[in-house]
Amino acid sequence: MLEYSDNTFLLDASQKVRMHLTVFSNSYEADDRNRSDIQREHEEIYEAARVGEDEKALDLMRIHLENSLAKALSL
């Protein structure tokens, strides 16, 4: 979508952010425990959403993001 914005600054910035996130993600997910935690949290979020427990899914997503931030800051 950014490609159609005619904003080369925004496109360049988004590509750089994506590169950094990829590097971070690869190092973060290299740890087996992180991978299993991520998988479990994603499954819990999906299941809550699948059965229509929207508030629970939102709460689980918040927890997941907080956990991810805490792990990221500890790298």
Protein backbone atom coordinates (compact mmCIF):
# COMPACT_ATOMS: atom_id res chain seq x y z
CA MET A 1 0.00 0.00 0.00
CA LEU A 2 2.85 2.36 0.80
CA GLU A 3 4.17 1.91 -2.73
CA TYR A 4 1.09 3.78 -3.99
CA SER A 5 1.49 6.71 -1.59
CA ASP A 6 4.14 8.46 -3.69
CA ASN A 7 5.92 9.15 -0.40
CA THR A 8 9.45 7.83 -0.85
CA PHE A 9 10.46 8.90 2.68
CA LEU A 10 7.66 6.84 4.22
CA LEU A 11 8.38 3.87 1.95
CA ASP A 12 12.09 3.96 2.80
CA ALA A 13 11.39 4.27 6.53
CA SER A 14 8.93 1.36 6.48
CA GLN A 15 11.42 -0.86 4.63
CA LYS A 16 14.12 -0.07 7.19
CA VAL A 17 11.77 -0.83 10.07
CA ARG A 18 10.81 -4.13 8.42
CA MET A 19 14.50 -5.07 8.07
CA HIS A 20 15.16 -4.34 11.75
CA LEU A 21 12.08 -6.27 12.83
CA THR A 22 13.17 -9.26 10.75
CA VAL A 23 16.61 -9.29 12.36
CA PHE A 24 15.07 -8.91 15.82
CA SER A 25 12.46 -11.59 15.15
CA ASN A 26 15.09 -14.07 13.98
CA SER A 27 17.18 -13.60 17.12
CA TYR A 28 14.14 -13.61 19.41
CA GLU A 29 12.65 -16.75 17.90
CA ALA A 30 15.98 -18.59 17.88
CA ASP A 31 15.34 -19.54 21.51
CA ASP A 32 13.22 -22.70 21.76
CA ARG A 33 11.37 -21.49 24.84
CA ASN A 34 10.43 -18.21 23.17
CA ARG A 35 9.13 -20.11 20.16
CA SER A 36 7.00 -22.43 22.29
CA ASP A 37 5.68 -19.49 24.36
CA ILE A 38 4.79 -17.59 21.19
CA GLN A 39 3.03 -20.64 19.73
CA ARG A 40 1.05 -21.27 22.92
CA GLU A 41 0.01 -17.64 23.25
CA HIS A 42 -1.06 -17.48 19.60
CA GLU A 43 -3.13 -20.64 20.00
CA GLU A 44 -4.84 -19.25 23.12
CA ILE A 45 -5.66 -15.99 21.33
CA TYR A 46 -6.96 -17.83 18.28
CA GLU A 47 -9.12 -20.19 20.33
CA ALA A 48 -10.71 -17.36 22.31
CA ALA A 49 -11.47 -15.48 19.08
CA ARG A 50 -12.75 -18.63 17.37
CA VAL A 51 -15.35 -19.29 20.06
CA GLY A 52 -16.43 -15.65 20.19
CA GLU A 53 -14.78 -14.68 23.47
CA ASP A 54 -13.69 -11.29 22.17
CA GLU A 55 -12.78 -9.72 25.51
CA LYS A 56 -10.73 -12.75 26.47
CA ALA A 57 -8.96 -12.66 23.08
CA LEU A 58 -8.16 -8.96 23.60
CA ASP A 59 -6.84 -9.61 27.11
CA LEU A 60 -4.71 -12.49 25.85
CA MET A 61 -3.37 -10.31 23.04
CA ARG A 62 -2.41 -7.59 25.51
CA ILE A 63 -0.63 -10.14 27.68
CA HIS A 64 1.12 -11.57 24.62
CA LEU A 65 2.36 -8.13 23.56
CA GLU A 66 3.53 -7.32 27.08
CA ASN A 67 5.37 -10.66 27.29
CA SER A 68 6.97 -10.05 23.89
CA LEU A 69 8.11 -6.56 24.91
CA ALA A 70 9.59 -7.84 28.17
CA LYS A 71 11.51 -10.57 26.34
CA ALA A 72 12.67 -8.12 23.68
CA LEU A 73 14.00 -5.73 26.29
CA SER A 74 15.91 -8.55 27.95
CA LEU A 75 17.86 -9.49 24.78
